[in-house]
C-alpha atoms as a PDB file:
ATOM      1  CA  MET A   1     -11.980-159.094-100.886  1.00  0.00           C
ATOM      2  CA  LYS A   2     -13.842-162.859-100.327  1.00  0.00           C
ATOM      3  CA  ALA A   3     -12.484-165.297-102.338  1.00  0.00           C
ATOM      4  CA  ALA A   4     -13.966-168.914-103.103  1.00  0.00           C
ATOM      5  CA  LEU A   5     -10.846-171.183-103.750  1.00  0.00           C
ATOM      6  CA  VAL A   6     -13.264-174.545-105.722  1.00  0.00           C
ATOM      7  CA  ILE A   7     -11.007-177.676-105.739  1.00  0.00           C
ATOM      8  CA  MET A   8     -12.290-180.234-108.128  1.00  0.00           C
ATOM      9  CA  ALA A   9     -11.676-183.454-106.286  1.00  0.00           C
ATOM     10  CA  ALA A  10     -14.420-186.336-107.589  1.00  0.00           C
ATOM     11  CA  GLY A  11     -12.867-187.717-110.155  1.00  0.00           C
ATOM     12  CA  LEU A  12     -11.693-191.299-109.541  1.00  0.00           C
ATOM     13  CA  GLY A  13      -7.791-191.311-110.251  1.00  0.00           C
ATOM     14  CA  SER A  14      -8.962-194.497-113.394  1.00  0.00           C
ATOM     15  CA  ARG A  15      -5.450-193.930-114.272  1.00  0.00           C
ATOM     16  CA  TYR A  16      -3.531-193.470-111.713  1.00  0.00           C
ATOM     17  CA  GLY A  17      -4.933-196.851-109.903  1.00  0.00           C
ATOM     18  CA  GLY A  18      -6.036-195.518-106.816  1.00  0.00           C
ATOM     19  CA  ASN A  19      -7.572-192.445-105.539  1.00  0.00           C
ATOM     20  CA  LYS A  20      -4.667-189.543-106.250  1.00  0.00           C
ATOM     21  CA  GLN A  21      -6.823-186.798-104.959  1.00  0.00           C
ATOM     22  CA  VAL A  22      -6.546-188.361-101.404  1.00  0.00           C
ATOM     23  CA  ASP A  23      -2.552-189.280-101.579  1.00  0.00           C
ATOM     24  CA  GLY A  24      -0.070-188.316 -99.081  1.00  0.00           C
ATOM     25  CA  VAL A  25       2.659-187.116-100.851  1.00  0.00           C
ATOM     26  CA  GLY A  26       4.284-184.653 -98.938  1.00  0.00           C
ATOM     27  CA  PRO A  27       7.418-185.214 -96.489  1.00  0.00           C
ATOM     28  CA  ASN A  28       4.702-185.144 -94.333  1.00  0.00           C
ATOM     29  CA  GLY A  29       1.784-187.117 -95.791  1.00  0.00           C
ATOM     30  CA  GLU A  30       0.044-184.119 -97.002  1.00  0.00           C
ATOM     31  CA  ILE A  31      -2.107-184.334-100.516  1.00  0.00           C
ATOM     32  CA  LEU A  32      -1.397-182.322-103.427  1.00  0.00           C
ATOM     33  CA  MET A  33      -4.484-179.936-102.530  1.00  0.00           C
ATOM     34  CA  GLU A  34      -3.143-178.935 -99.613  1.00  0.00           C
ATOM     35  CA  TYR A  35      -0.238-176.872-101.281  1.00  0.00           C
ATOM     36  CA  SER A  36      -3.805-175.663-103.291  1.00  0.00           C
ATOM     37  CA  ILE A  37      -5.457-174.854-100.097  1.00  0.00           C
ATOM     38  CA  PHE A  38      -2.042-173.601 -98.669  1.00  0.00           C
ATOM     39  CA  ASP A  39      -1.136-171.219-101.488  1.00  0.00           C
ATOM     40  CA  ALA A  40      -4.943-169.872-101.740  1.00  0.00           C
ATOM     41  CA  ILE A  41      -5.056-168.724 -97.728  1.00  0.00           C
ATOM     42  CA  ARG A  42      -2.128-167.188 -97.942  1.00  0.00           C
ATOM     43  CA  ALA A  43      -2.827-164.854-101.703  1.00  0.00           C
ATOM     44  CA  GLY A  44      -5.440-163.684 -99.354  1.00  0.00           C
ATOM     45  CA  PHE A  45      -8.684-166.386-100.838  1.00  0.00           C
ATOM     46  CA  THR A  46     -11.727-166.399 -97.695  1.00  0.00           C
ATOM     47  CA  LYS A  47     -13.683-169.697 -98.750  1.00  0.00           C
ATOM     48  CA  ILE A  48     -12.659-173.869 -99.837  1.00  0.00           C
ATOM     49  CA  VAL A  49     -15.117-175.392-101.995  1.00  0.00           C
ATOM     50  CA  PHE A  50     -14.326-179.306-101.846  1.00  0.00           C
ATOM     51  CA  ILE A  51     -16.626-180.961-104.772  1.00  0.00           C
ATOM     52  CA  ILE A  52     -16.609-184.716-103.722  1.00  0.00           C
ATOM     53  CA  LYS A  53     -18.117-187.848-104.814  1.00  0.00           C
ATOM     54  CA  PRO A  54     -20.939-189.399-102.298  1.00  0.00           C
ATOM     55  CA  GLY A  55     -19.225-190.815 -99.477  1.00  0.00           C
ATOM     56  CA  MET A  56     -16.395-188.621 -99.065  1.00  0.00           C
ATOM     57  CA  GLU A  57     -17.487-185.810 -96.621  1.00  0.00           C
ATOM     58  CA  GLU A  58     -15.731-187.349 -94.094  1.00  0.00           C
ATOM     59  CA  MET A  59     -12.573-189.300 -95.301  1.00  0.00           C
ATOM     60  CA  MET A  60     -12.043-185.073 -96.489  1.00  0.00           C
ATOM     61  CA  ARG A  61     -12.894-183.690 -93.398  1.00  0.00           C
ATOM     62  CA  ARG A  62     -10.379-185.957 -90.979  1.00  0.00           C
ATOM     63  CA  ILE A  63      -7.330-185.612 -94.136  1.00  0.00           C
ATOM     64  CA  CYS A  64      -7.483-181.909 -95.105  1.00  0.00           C
ATOM     65  CA  GLY A  65     -11.488-180.204 -94.213  1.00  0.00           C
ATOM     66  CA  ASP A  66     -11.697-180.108 -90.892  1.00  0.00           C
ATOM     67  CA  TYR A  67      -8.244-178.389 -89.773  1.00  0.00           C
ATOM     68  CA  VAL A  68      -8.700-175.610 -93.072  1.00  0.00           C
ATOM     69  CA  ALA A  69     -11.929-174.562 -90.900  1.00  0.00           C
ATOM     70  CA  CYS A  70      -9.486-173.491 -88.438  1.00  0.00           C
ATOM     71  CA  ARG A  71      -7.496-171.504 -90.468  1.00  0.00           C
ATOM     72  CA  THR A  72      -7.522-167.649 -90.250  1.00  0.00           C
ATOM     73  CA  ALA A  73      -7.347-166.089 -93.656  1.00  0.00           C
ATOM     74  CA  ARG A  74      -4.789-162.804 -94.659  1.00  0.00           C
ATOM     75  CA  ASP A  75      -8.246-160.364 -93.346  1.00  0.00           C
ATOM     76  CA  GLY A  76      -8.334-161.977 -90.191  1.00  0.00           C
ATOM     77  CA  SER A  77     -12.015-163.904 -90.794  1.00  0.00           C
ATOM     78  CA  LYS A  78     -12.315-167.560 -90.319  1.00  0.00           C
ATOM     79  CA  VAL A  79     -11.959-169.567 -93.184  1.00  0.00           C
ATOM     80  CA  GLU A  80     -15.320-171.543 -94.244  1.00  0.00           C
ATOM     81  CA  VAL A  81     -14.757-174.812 -96.244  1.00  0.00           C
ATOM     82  CA  CYS A  82     -17.843-175.610 -97.441  1.00  0.00           C
ATOM     83  CA  TYR A  83     -18.741-179.593 -99.248  1.00  0.00           C
ATOM     84  CA  ALA A  84     -20.114-179.742-102.724  1.00  0.00           C
ATOM     85  CA  VAL A  85     -21.138-183.523-103.764  1.00  0.00           C
ATOM     86  CA  GLN A  86     -20.790-183.731-107.273  1.00  0.00           C
ATOM     87  CA  ASP A  87     -23.803-186.656-108.246  1.00  0.00           C
ATOM     88  CA  PHE A  88     -26.732-186.718-110.161  1.00  0.00           C
ATOM     89  CA  SER A  89     -29.434-185.204-107.655  1.00  0.00           C
ATOM     90  CA  GLY A  90     -29.600-181.801-109.524  1.00  0.00           C
ATOM     91  CA  VAL A  91     -30.366-183.223-113.043  1.00  0.00           C
ATOM     92  CA  PRO A  92     -33.234-181.154-113.911  1.00  0.00           C
ATOM     93  CA  ASP A  93     -36.449-183.848-114.781  1.00  0.00           C
ATOM     94  CA  PHE A  94     -36.139-183.406-118.386  1.00  0.00           C
ATOM     95  CA  TYR A  95     -33.657-185.698-118.473  1.00  0.00           C
ATOM     96  CA  LYS A  96     -33.008-189.211-117.510  1.00  0.00           C
ATOM     97  CA  VAL A  97     -30.118-190.668-116.492  1.00  0.00           C
ATOM     98  CA  PRO A  98     -29.192-194.327-118.208  1.00  0.00           C
ATOM     99  CA  PRO A  99     -28.851-196.197-115.472  1.00  0.00           C
ATOM    100  CA  GLN A 100     -25.443-198.149-116.146  1.00  0.00           C
ATOM    101  CA  ARG A 101     -23.883-194.683-116.016  1.00  0.00           C
ATOM    102  CA  GLU A 102     -21.587-194.533-113.149  1.00  0.00           C
ATOM    103  CA  LYS A 103     -19.833-191.430-113.173  1.00  0.00           C
ATOM    104  CA  PRO A 104     -20.834-187.491-112.789  1.00  0.00           C
ATOM    105  CA  PHE A 105     -21.286-185.459-115.626  1.00  0.00           C
ATOM    106  CA  GLY A 106     -17.512-183.991-116.044  1.00  0.00           C
ATOM    107  CA  THR A 107     -15.890-180.543-114.674  1.00  0.00           C
ATOM    108  CA  GLY A 108     -18.735-178.211-116.455  1.00  0.00           C
ATOM    109  CA  HIS A 109     -21.248-180.416-113.982  1.00  0.00           C
ATOM    110  CA  ALA A 110     -19.329-180.545-111.242  1.00  0.00           C
ATOM    111  CA  VAL A 111     -18.081-176.637-111.102  1.00  0.00           C
ATOM    112  CA  LEU A 112     -22.343-176.815-111.604  1.00  0.00           C
ATOM    113  CA  CYS A 113     -22.799-178.694-108.289  1.00  0.00           C
ATOM    114  CA  ALA A 114     -20.184-175.993-106.044  1.00  0.00           C
ATOM    115  CA  ARG A 115     -22.978-173.612-106.999  1.00  0.00           C
ATOM    116  CA  PRO A 116     -24.340-173.241-103.729  1.00  0.00           C
ATOM    117  CA  TYR A 117     -22.339-172.469-102.135  1.00  0.00           C
ATOM    118  CA  VAL A 118     -20.583-169.856-104.145  1.00  0.00           C
ATOM    119  CA  LYS A 119     -22.112-166.026-103.908  1.00  0.00           C
ATOM    120  CA  GLU A 120     -18.736-164.037-104.390  1.00  0.00           C
ATOM    121  CA  PRO A 121     -15.543-164.379-107.151  1.00  0.00           C
ATOM    122  CA  PHE A 122     -14.250-167.614-107.465  1.00  0.00           C
ATOM    123  CA  CYS A 123     -10.897-170.006-108.458  1.00  0.00           C
ATOM    124  CA  VAL A 124     -11.662-173.880-110.248  1.00  0.00           C
ATOM    125  CA  ILE A 125      -8.895-175.766-109.995  1.00  0.00           C
ATOM    126  CA  ASN A 126      -8.221-179.654-109.993  1.00  0.00           C
ATOM    127  CA  ALA A 127      -6.845-181.734-106.793  1.00  0.00           C
ATOM    128  CA  ASP A 128      -4.332-183.577-108.356  1.00  0.00           C
ATOM    129  CA  ASP A 129      -2.512-181.000-109.311  1.00  0.00           C
ATOM    130  CA  TYR A 130      -0.033-178.300-108.123  1.00  0.00           C
ATOM    131  CA  TYR A 131       0.118-174.866-109.423  1.00  0.00           C
ATOM    132  CA  GLY A 132       2.409-173.375-107.814  1.00  0.00           C
ATOM    133  CA  VAL A 133       2.348-170.028-105.041  1.00  0.00           C
ATOM    134  CA  ASP A 134       2.417-167.178-107.510  1.00  0.00           C
ATOM    135  CA  ALA A 135      -0.382-168.527-109.229  1.00  0.00           C
ATOM    136  CA  TYR A 136      -2.753-168.425-106.594  1.00  0.00           C
ATOM    137  CA  ARG A 137      -1.503-164.442-106.045  1.00  0.00           C
ATOM    138  CA  ARG A 138      -1.993-163.574-109.672  1.00  0.00           C
ATOM    139  CA  ILE A 139      -5.597-165.293-109.896  1.00  0.00           C
ATOM    140  CA  TYR A 140      -7.115-163.383-106.703  1.00  0.00           C
ATOM    141  CA  GLU A 141      -5.173-160.261-107.906  1.00  0.00           C
ATOM    142  CA  GLU A 142      -7.134-160.607-111.666  1.00  0.00           C
ATOM    143  CA  LEU A 143     -10.504-161.813-109.378  1.00  0.00           C
ATOM    144  CA  GLN A 144     -10.574-158.277-107.387  1.00  0.00           C
ATOM    145  CA  ARG A 145     -10.347-156.213-111.345  1.00  0.00           C
ATOM    146  CA  LEU A 146     -13.295-159.288-112.707  1.00  0.00           C
ATOM    147  CA  PRO A 147     -16.162-157.057-113.751  1.00  0.00           C
ATOM    148  CA  GLU A 148     -19.440-159.322-112.901  1.00  0.00           C
ATOM    149  CA  GLN A 149     -20.372-159.569-115.979  1.00  0.00           C
ATOM    150  CA  GLY A 150     -17.734-160.515-119.055  1.00  0.00           C
ATOM    151  CA  GLY A 151     -15.037-160.925-117.193  1.00  0.00           C
ATOM    152  CA  ALA A 152     -13.079-164.399-116.472  1.00  0.00           C
ATOM    153  CA  ALA A 153      -9.214-165.231-115.909  1.00  0.00           C
ATOM    154  CA  MET A 154      -6.815-168.272-116.435  1.00  0.00           C
ATOM    155  CA  VAL A 155      -3.668-169.639-115.575  1.00  0.00           C
ATOM    156  CA  GLY A 156      -1.807-170.959-118.909  1.00  0.00           C
ATOM    157  CA  TYR A 157       1.417-173.614-118.905  1.00  0.00           C
ATOM    158  CA  LEU A 158       3.312-174.219-121.577  1.00  0.00           C
ATOM    159  CA  LEU A 159       2.518-177.201-123.018  1.00  0.00           C
ATOM    160  CA  GLU A 160       5.578-178.936-123.146  1.00  0.00           C
ATOM    161  CA  ASN A 161       5.386-178.460-119.158  1.00  0.00           C
ATOM    162  CA  THR A 162       2.503-180.417-118.583  1.00  0.00           C
ATOM    163  CA  VAL A 163       2.928-184.035-120.168  1.00  0.00           C
ATOM    164  CA  SER A 164       3.988-187.102-119.670  1.00  0.00           C
ATOM    165  CA  GLU A 165       6.199-189.742-120.556  1.00  0.00           C
ATOM    166  CA  ARG A 166       3.734-192.967-118.973  1.00  0.00           C
ATOM    167  CA  GLY A 167       1.102-192.116-121.280  1.00  0.00           C
ATOM    168  CA  THR A 168      -1.886-190.089-122.640  1.00  0.00           C
ATOM    169  CA  VAL A 169      -3.103-186.335-121.214  1.00  0.00           C
ATOM    170  CA  SER A 170      -5.986-183.890-122.379  1.00  0.00           C
ATOM    171  CA  ARG A 171      -5.040-180.591-122.128  1.00  0.00           C
ATOM    172  CA  GLY A 172      -7.367-177.464-123.503  1.00  0.00           C
ATOM    173  CA  ILE A 173      -5.375-176.029-125.967  1.00  0.00           C
ATOM    174  CA  CYS A 174      -5.554-172.632-125.932  1.00  0.00           C
ATOM    175  CA  ARG A 175      -5.260-169.470-128.515  1.00  0.00           C
ATOM    176  CA  VAL A 176      -4.131-166.294-127.225  1.00  0.00           C
ATOM    177  CA  GLU A 177      -3.275-162.775-128.456  1.00  0.00           C
ATOM    178  CA  ASN A 178      -2.384-159.804-126.162  1.00  0.00           C
ATOM    179  CA  GLY A 179      -3.103-161.790-123.482  1.00  0.00           C
ATOM    180  CA  HIS A 180      -6.423-162.906-123.691  1.00  0.00           C
ATOM    181  CA  LEU A 181      -8.204-166.223-124.666  1.00  0.00           C
ATOM    182  CA  LEU A 182      -9.498-166.393-128.170  1.00  0.00           C
ATOM    183  CA  GLY A 183     -10.608-169.368-127.493  1.00  0.00           C
ATOM    184  CA  VAL A 184     -10.005-173.205-126.168  1.00  0.00           C
ATOM    185  CA  LYS A 185     -10.211-176.584-127.808  1.00  0.00           C
ATOM    186  CA  GLU A 186     -10.119-179.615-125.444  1.00  0.00           C
ATOM    187  CA  ALA A 187      -6.874-182.370-126.630  1.00  0.00           C
ATOM    188  CA  LEU A 188      -7.552-185.289-125.239  1.00  0.00           C
ATOM    189  CA  LYS A 189      -5.220-188.092-125.705  1.00  0.00           C
ATOM    190  CA  ILE A 190      -1.452-185.533-125.850  1.00  0.00           C
ATOM    191  CA  ARG A 191       1.440-187.961-125.247  1.00  0.00           C
ATOM    192  CA  LEU A 192       4.980-187.500-125.426  1.00  0.00           C
ATOM    193  CA  ASP A 193       6.736-188.954-128.737  1.00  0.00           C
ATOM    194  CA  PRO A 194      10.431-191.157-128.855  1.00  0.00           C
ATOM    195  CA  ASP A 195      11.807-188.406-130.762  1.00  0.00           C
ATOM    196  CA  GLY A 196      10.311-185.204-128.965  1.00  0.00           C
ATOM    197  CA  ASN A 197       7.144-183.887-130.255  1.00  0.00           C
ATOM    198  CA  ILE A 198       3.763-183.380-128.689  1.00  0.00           C
ATOM    199  CA  ALA A 199       0.985-184.424-130.669  1.00  0.00           C
ATOM    200  CA  ASP A 200      -2.321-185.660-130.540  1.00  0.00           C
ATOM    201  CA  GLU A 201      -4.607-187.792-131.595  1.00  0.00           C
ATOM    202  CA  THR A 202      -7.059-185.287-134.224  1.00  0.00           C
ATOM    203  CA  GLU A 203      -4.923-182.547-133.378  1.00  0.00           C
ATOM    204  CA  GLY A 204      -1.190-183.875-134.978  1.00  0.00           C
ATOM    205  CA  VAL A 205       1.682-182.527-134.003  1.00  0.00           C
ATOM    206  CA  LEU A 206       1.853-179.518-131.468  1.00  0.00           C
ATOM    207  CA  PRO A 207       4.161-176.824-130.471  1.00  0.00           C
ATOM    208  CA  ALA A 208       6.006-176.863-127.462  1.00  0.00           C
ATOM    209  CA  ASP A 209       5.319-173.154-126.129  1.00  0.00           C
ATOM    210  CA  THR A 210       1.260-174.467-127.122  1.00  0.00           C
ATOM    211  CA  VAL A 211       0.009-172.612-124.413  1.00  0.00           C
ATOM    212  CA  VAL A 212      -3.148-174.990-122.529  1.00  0.00           C
ATOM    213  CA  SER A 213      -5.312-174.689-120.052  1.00  0.00           C
ATOM    214  CA  MET A 214      -5.360-176.991-116.552  1.00  0.00           C
ATOM    215  CA  ASN A 215      -8.287-176.500-115.470  1.00  0.00           C
ATOM    216  CA  PHE A 216      -7.080-172.791-113.318  1.00  0.00           C
ATOM    217  CA  TRP A 217     -10.232-170.074-113.847  1.00  0.00           C
ATOM    218  CA  GLY A 218     -11.483-167.473-112.822  1.00  0.00           C
ATOM    219  CA  PHE A 219     -15.375-166.362-112.945  1.00  0.00           C
ATOM    220  CA  ALA A 220     -17.624-164.069-111.108  1.00  0.00           C
ATOM    221  CA  PRO A 221     -20.259-166.444-109.306  1.00  0.00           C
ATOM    222  CA  SER A 222     -22.422-164.806-112.869  1.00  0.00           C
ATOM    223  CA  PHE A 223     -20.685-167.164-114.889  1.00  0.00           C
ATOM    224  CA  PHE A 224     -23.368-169.549-113.065  1.00  0.00           C
ATOM    225  CA  GLU A 225     -26.170-169.094-114.565  1.00  0.00           C
ATOM    226  CA  GLU A 226     -24.109-169.618-118.308  1.00  0.00           C
ATOM    227  CA  LEU A 227     -23.392-172.631-117.052  1.00  0.00           C
ATOM    228  CA  GLU A 228     -26.397-173.939-116.081  1.00  0.00           C
ATOM    229  CA  LYS A 229     -28.239-172.990-119.664  1.00  0.00           C
ATOM    230  CA  PHE A 230     -24.952-174.569-120.943  1.00  0.00           C
ATOM    231  CA  PHE A 231     -25.605-178.172-119.078  1.00  0.00           C
ATOM    232  CA  TYR A 232     -29.196-178.354-119.742  1.00  0.00           C
ATOM    233  CA  ASP A 233     -28.414-177.980-122.990  1.00  0.00           C
ATOM    234  CA  PHE A 234     -25.781-180.572-123.371  1.00  0.00           C
ATOM    235  CA  LEU A 235     -28.146-183.284-121.618  1.00  0.00           C
ATOM    236  CA  ARG A 236     -30.361-182.317-123.596  1.00  0.00           C
ATOM    237  CA  TYR A 237     -28.083-181.962-127.045  1.00  0.00           C
ATOM    238  CA  GLU A 238     -25.543-184.229-126.165  1.00  0.00           C
ATOM    239  CA  ALA A 239     -25.751-186.825-123.523  1.00  0.00           C
ATOM    240  CA  GLY A 240     -28.501-188.702-125.008  1.00  0.00           C
ATOM    241  CA  ASP A 241     -27.979-192.465-123.374  1.00  0.00           C
ATOM    242  CA  ASN A 242     -24.168-192.481-123.972  1.00  0.00           C
ATOM    243  CA  ILE A 243     -23.046-192.960-120.858  1.00  0.00           C
ATOM    244  CA  LYS A 244     -19.629-191.042-120.740  1.00  0.00           C
ATOM    245  CA  ALA A 245     -20.460-188.182-122.459  1.00  0.00           C
ATOM    246  CA  GLU A 246     -18.649-185.538-120.826  1.00  0.00           C
ATOM    247  CA  CYS A 247     -19.638-181.554-119.833  1.00  0.00           C
ATOM    248  CA  MET A 248     -16.402-179.557-120.013  1.00  0.00           C
ATOM    249  CA  LEU A 249     -15.849-176.760-118.359  1.00  0.00           C
ATOM    250  CA  PRO A 250     -13.343-174.952-121.480  1.00  0.00           C
ATOM    251  CA  SER A 251     -15.790-176.063-123.692  1.00  0.00           C
ATOM    252  CA  LEU A 252     -17.985-172.909-122.327  1.00  0.00           C
ATOM    253  CA  VAL A 253     -15.679-170.854-122.188  1.00  0.00           C
ATOM    254  CA  GLY A 254     -14.234-171.020-125.462  1.00  0.00           C
ATOM    255  CA  LYS A 255     -18.932-171.050-126.183  1.00  0.00           C
ATOM    256  CA  LEU A 256     -19.315-167.954-125.016  1.00  0.00           C
ATOM    257  CA  ILE A 257     -15.642-165.901-126.270  1.00  0.00           C
ATOM    258  CA  ASP A 258     -16.411-167.049-129.761  1.00  0.00           C
ATOM    259  CA  GLU A 259     -19.875-165.639-129.399  1.00  0.00           C
ATOM    260  CA  GLY A 260     -18.599-162.492-127.639  1.00  0.00           C
ATOM    261  CA  LYS A 261     -20.049-162.940-123.771  1.00  0.00           C
ATOM    262  CA  LEU A 262     -16.782-163.698-121.927  1.00  0.00           C
ATOM    263  CA  GLU A 263     -13.289-161.822-121.960  1.00  0.00           C
ATOM    264  CA  VAL A 264     -10.809-164.099-120.330  1.00  0.00           C
ATOM    265  CA  SER A 265      -7.612-162.869-119.299  1.00  0.00           C
ATOM    266  CA  VAL A 266      -4.541-165.541-119.980  1.00  0.00           C
ATOM    267  CA  LEU A 267      -2.270-164.985-116.650  1.00  0.00           C
ATOM    268  CA  ARG A 268       1.686-166.550-116.754  1.00  0.00           C
ATOM    269  CA  SER A 269       2.814-167.810-113.552  1.00  0.00           C
ATOM    270  CA  ALA A 270       6.456-167.824-112.757  1.00  0.00           C
ATOM    271  CA  ASP A 271       6.127-171.284-110.722  1.00  0.00           C
ATOM    272  CA  ARG A 272       5.907-175.134-112.865  1.00  0.00           C
ATOM    273  CA  TRP A 273       3.096-176.885-112.903  1.00  0.00           C
ATOM    274  CA  PHE A 274       2.998-180.666-112.161  1.00  0.00           C
ATOM    275  CA  GLY A 275       0.495-183.327-110.898  1.00  0.00           C
ATOM    276  CA  MET A 276       0.101-186.881-111.068  1.00  0.00           C
ATOM    277  CA  THR A 277      -1.340-188.430-114.138  1.00  0.00           C
ATOM    278  CA  TYR A 278      -0.641-191.817-113.762  1.00  0.00           C
ATOM    279  CA  HIS A 279       0.996-193.744-110.816  1.00  0.00           C
ATOM    280  CA  GLU A 280       4.654-194.066-112.154  1.00  0.00           C
ATOM    281  CA  ASP A 281       4.219-189.235-111.371  1.00  0.00           C
ATOM    282  CA  ARG A 282       4.114-190.134-107.928  1.00  0.00           C
ATOM    283  CA  GLN A 283       8.506-190.403-106.819  1.00  0.00           C
ATOM    284  CA  ALA A 284       9.118-187.124-109.631  1.00  0.00           C
ATOM    285  CA  VAL A 285       5.761-185.094-107.756  1.00  0.00           C
ATOM    286  CA  ALA A 286       7.319-185.998-103.367  1.00  0.00           C
ATOM    287  CA  GLN A 287      10.911-185.701-104.753  1.00  0.00           C
ATOM    288  CA  GLU A 288      10.220-182.363-105.369  1.00  0.00           C
ATOM    289  CA  LEU A 289       7.456-181.309-102.932  1.00  0.00           C
ATOM    290  CA  GLN A 290       9.870-182.423-100.591  1.00  0.00           C
ATOM    291  CA  ARG A 291      12.468-179.227-102.404  1.00  0.00           C
ATOM    292  CA  LEU A 292       9.763-177.049-101.876  1.00  0.00           C
ATOM    293  CA  HIS A 293      10.304-177.950 -97.922  1.00  0.00           C
ATOM    294  CA  ASP A 294      14.093-178.027 -97.907  1.00  0.00           C
ATOM    295  CA  SER A 295      13.696-174.388 -99.741  1.00  0.00           C
ATOM    296  CA  GLY A 296      11.735-172.420 -96.979  1.00  0.00           C
ATOM    297  CA  VAL A 297       8.823-172.207 -99.868  1.00  0.00           C
ATOM    298  CA  TYR A 298       6.739-173.958 -97.467  1.00  0.00           C
ATOM    299  CA  PRO A 299       7.053-174.668 -93.565  1.00  0.00           C
ATOM    300  CA  GLY A 300       8.080-178.182 -91.829  1.00  0.00           C
ATOM    301  CA  THR A 301       4.204-179.225 -92.193  1.00  0.00           C
ATOM    302  CA  LEU A 302       1.619-177.282 -93.501  1.00  0.00           C
ATOM    303  CA  ARG A 303      -1.019-178.462 -90.923  1.00  0.00           C
ATOM    304  CA  ASN A 304      -0.236-175.301 -88.063  1.00  0.00           C
END
C-alpha cells in the first residue's frame, strides 16, 4: 500500500541555538530525520514529503533528499520525494499577514502546506525527533486499516521519557481509554523539577506515565478538508494581529474528537523516543545513535 511520510522540518530551532533539523548528529554525520526516513522506508512507506522553509530546498536535497530519491521502496517502486514550502503564499485573501510576523502559523499550517503532494494515507512527524523502528511498523500497519473518513492514529509516548533537564518543552497531553484517544491538550511549558516532579505552568504537576503526543500522527487524505476549515477559522477568529499565534495540529485533533468526527487509535511503541530540544541534548543523542549502530539496529551507514 502506498503511504507518505510527511516531515515537519521548517522549524527555526530557536531553543536549540541553531538549525537542529540539519545537524549531523549520527556517527557518519546523519541528521535525525535520516533515521525516520530509513525506518519508514523499511516499514513500507513509498513517499517522503519535506515541509521546509523558503530557500531550504537546495540544502535539503544535498543533505538527504537526492539520495533518498534513489532508494527503492519495499514494494519495488522508487521512493518519491517532494518539497512543500511553508510560507505565507497559501494564506487566503481574507487574512492579511501582519508585517512584523516572520514565523509561519504552527504545525497545522505546516501540514496543510503538504496537501498538494499527498493523496495517500500519511504519517506526520517532527524532523528533530527519533521515534524508533517499531513505531513506523505500527503506524504503517494502522494506516492500511484506516477508514477514508473519520479515522486516524497516533503513536503515544510516556511523559517521563520526553522531558528535558535543560529547560521547558511543549507536549500534547492525551486522555486515553481502551486504546483510543479521548482528547489532547497542548501544554506549552512542561519542566522537570529538581525533586523529580514533572509540571506545567498551567496544568500543575503531571503524572510521569501520562501519555503524550510527540506529533507522530497517521491520517487519511480526507483529513486535509477538516484541516483547511480549521486553519481558515483560526485566521478569521484567533490570529488577528498576534504575530505569535499558532494553529496547532493537536488542537484540531481534539476538536474533531469532541465533535464525534474522528476516532484516533493510540499505538504504543516498544522503542524509546529521544530528541534535541536544546543544544545540550546533542551529546546524549549522538551516544544513543552510536549505540544503535553498534548493536545492529542500523547498518554502518544509512546512505547506501
